[in-house]
Protein backbone atom coordinates (compact mmCIF):
# COMPACT_ATOMS: atom_id res chain seq x y z
CA MET A 1 -0.13 0.16 -0.14
CA LYS A 2 1.24 3.67 -1.03
CA VAL A 3 1.97 6.10 1.80
CA ALA A 4 -0.54 8.46 0.00
CA GLN A 5 -3.31 5.63 0.20
CA MET A 6 -2.29 4.99 3.83
CA MET A 7 -2.87 8.69 4.93
CA SER A 8 -5.98 9.10 3.21
CA LEU A 9 -7.94 6.44 4.85
CA SER A 10 -9.88 9.23 6.88
CA LYS A 11 -11.11 6.56 9.50
CA ASN A 12 -7.82 6.12 10.86
CA THR A 13 -6.48 8.08 13.84
CA PRO A 14 -3.23 9.83 13.30
CA TYR A 15 -1.68 7.35 15.66
CA GLU A 16 -3.04 4.16 13.36
CA GLN A 17 -2.01 6.05 10.38
CA LEU A 18 1.66 6.25 11.79
CA GLN A 19 1.51 2.60 12.91
CA ARG A 20 0.82 1.61 9.14
CA ILE A 21 3.84 3.83 8.01
CA LEU A 22 6.11 2.27 10.69
CA SER A 23 5.03 -1.12 9.45
CA SER A 24 5.58 -0.39 5.99
CA GLN A 25 8.84 0.88 6.86
CA ILE A 26 9.78 -2.42 8.77
CA GLU A 27 8.44 -4.19 5.65
CA ARG A 28 10.77 -2.36 3.53
CA VAL A 29 13.78 -3.01 5.83
CA ARG A 30 13.19 -6.62 5.38
CA SER A 31 13.22 -6.42 1.61
CA ASN A 32 16.35 -4.04 1.68
CA ASP A 33 14.10 -1.01 -0.05
CA PHE A 34 16.07 1.63 1.78
CA ARG A 35 15.10 4.14 -0.56
CA GLY A 36 11.41 3.34 -0.15
CA ILE A 37 12.11 3.76 3.57
CA GLU A 38 13.38 7.25 3.04
CA GLU A 39 10.39 8.34 0.68
CA VAL A 40 7.98 6.79 3.83
CA ALA A 41 9.89 8.77 6.27
CA VAL A 42 9.11 12.24 4.85
CA ASN A 43 5.20 11.55 5.52
CA CYS A 44 5.98 10.06 8.43
CA ARG A 45 6.99 13.39 10.02
CA ASN A 46 3.36 14.98 8.69
CA VAL A 47 1.37 12.39 10.75
CA ILE A 48 3.80 13.03 14.01
CA GLU A 49 2.89 16.55 13.80
CA GLN A 50 -0.81 15.91 13.30
CA ILE A 51 -0.53 13.54 16.46
CA GLN A 52 1.21 16.30 18.36
CA LYS A 53 -1.38 18.82 17.46
CA THR A 54 -4.18 16.77 18.80
CA THR A 55 -5.66 16.69 22.26
CA GLU A 56 -5.74 12.70 22.09
CA TYR A 57 -1.81 13.11 22.11
CA LYS A 58 -1.77 15.05 25.61
CA LYS A 59 -4.33 12.53 27.10
CA ASN A 60 -3.08 9.06 25.56
CA ARG A 61 0.91 9.51 25.72
CA ASP A 62 1.03 6.32 27.65
CA GLY A 63 -2.00 4.52 26.11
CA TYR A 64 -2.43 1.54 23.98
CA GLN A 65 -1.91 3.55 20.95
CA ALA A 66 1.08 5.41 21.86
CA GLN A 67 2.48 2.02 23.41
CA ARG A 68 2.05 0.24 20.08
CA THR A 69 3.41 2.98 18.16
CA ARG A 70 6.75 3.08 20.45
CA VAL A 71 6.84 -0.64 19.56
CA LEU A 72 6.84 -0.44 16.14
CA TYR A 73 9.36 2.59 16.29
CA ARG A 74 11.88 0.54 18.43
CA GLU A 75 11.23 -2.63 16.06
CA LEU A 76 12.23 -0.45 13.21
CA ASN A 77 15.25 1.47 14.99
CA LEU A 78 16.40 -2.13 15.75
CA MET A 79 15.99 -3.60 12.30
CA LEU A 80 17.84 -0.64 10.89
CA HIS A 81 20.85 -0.95 13.06
CA ALA A 82 21.11 -4.46 12.15
CA ALA A 83 21.00 -3.55 8.46
CA LYS A 84 23.60 -0.83 9.10
CA THR A 85 25.90 -3.12 10.96
CA LYS A 86 25.67 -5.98 8.24
CA MET A 87 26.09 -3.53 5.51
CA THR A 88 29.25 -1.84 7.41
CA GLU A 89 30.85 -5.43 8.07
CA GLN A 90 30.30 -6.15 4.00
CA LEU A 91 31.81 -3.17 3.27
CA LYS A 92 35.19 -3.80 5.24
CA CYS A 93 35.06 -7.19 3.79
CA MET A 94 35.17 -5.68 0.34
CA LYS A 95 37.65 -2.88 1.26
CA LYS A 96 40.03 -5.62 2.71
CA ASN A 97 39.58 -7.82 -0.21
CA LYS A 98 40.35 -4.91 -2.47
CA ASN A 99 43.47 -4.01 -0.83
CA VAL A 100 44.67 -7.83 -1.01
CA LEU A 101 44.15 -7.39 -4.97
CA LYS A 102 45.65 -4.42 -4.82
CA TYR A 103 48.56 -5.73 -3.22
CA TYR A 104 48.68 -8.67 -5.53
CA LYS A 105 48.91 -6.72 -8.41
CA GLN A 106 51.75 -4.40 -7.44
CA SER A 107 53.64 -7.01 -6.21
CA GLY A 108 53.58 -8.98 -9.46
CA ILE A 109 51.84 -12.37 -8.22
CA PHE A 110 49.10 -12.45 -10.90
CA ALA A 111 51.93 -12.26 -13.39
CA GLU A 112 53.86 -14.88 -12.13
CA ARG A 113 50.81 -17.05 -12.00
CA ALA A 114 49.60 -16.34 -15.17
CA SER A 115 53.06 -17.35 -16.84
CA GLN A 116 53.31 -20.53 -14.72
CA MET A 117 49.78 -21.43 -15.85
CA LYS A 118 50.54 -20.86 -19.79
CA GLY A 119 53.82 -22.76 -19.83
CA GLY A 120 55.24 -23.27 -16.53
CA ARG A 121 54.63 -26.03 -14.32
CA TYR A 122 51.08 -25.85 -14.92
CA GLY A 123 50.93 -26.20 -18.16
C-alpha cells in the first residue's frame, strides 16, 4: 500500500496512520528497500505533527496506541541498526579484498601465476 493511500484513510486516527507507516517501513527494511524507507519517512513527519497537535496526544501519551507506536518504532530502529551493521561488515570485507588484490597486482604475483599457468609447471 502506498503512503498516500495509507494517509488518505480518513477513518484512521493519526496514531493508526503512523503505525501503518512504521509497519510499511519495517517491511521495506526486510526487503532491503532503503530508498522506499526514506520516501515513507518524509510522510511520517507530517503524521507525527498531526498527532502532536491533537488533544488525543496529550491524553494518551501512555495509552495503548502510543505504546503500540513505540513498539513499532523500536522494532524499526533495531532492524535499521542491524542492517547498518551488516552493510558496514560487508563494506569492510570488500575493502579488505580490494586491498589484497591491489597488493597482489603491485607485487606481480598475478603475472607470475599467469605465466606459470601458460607454460610453466601448470602447462
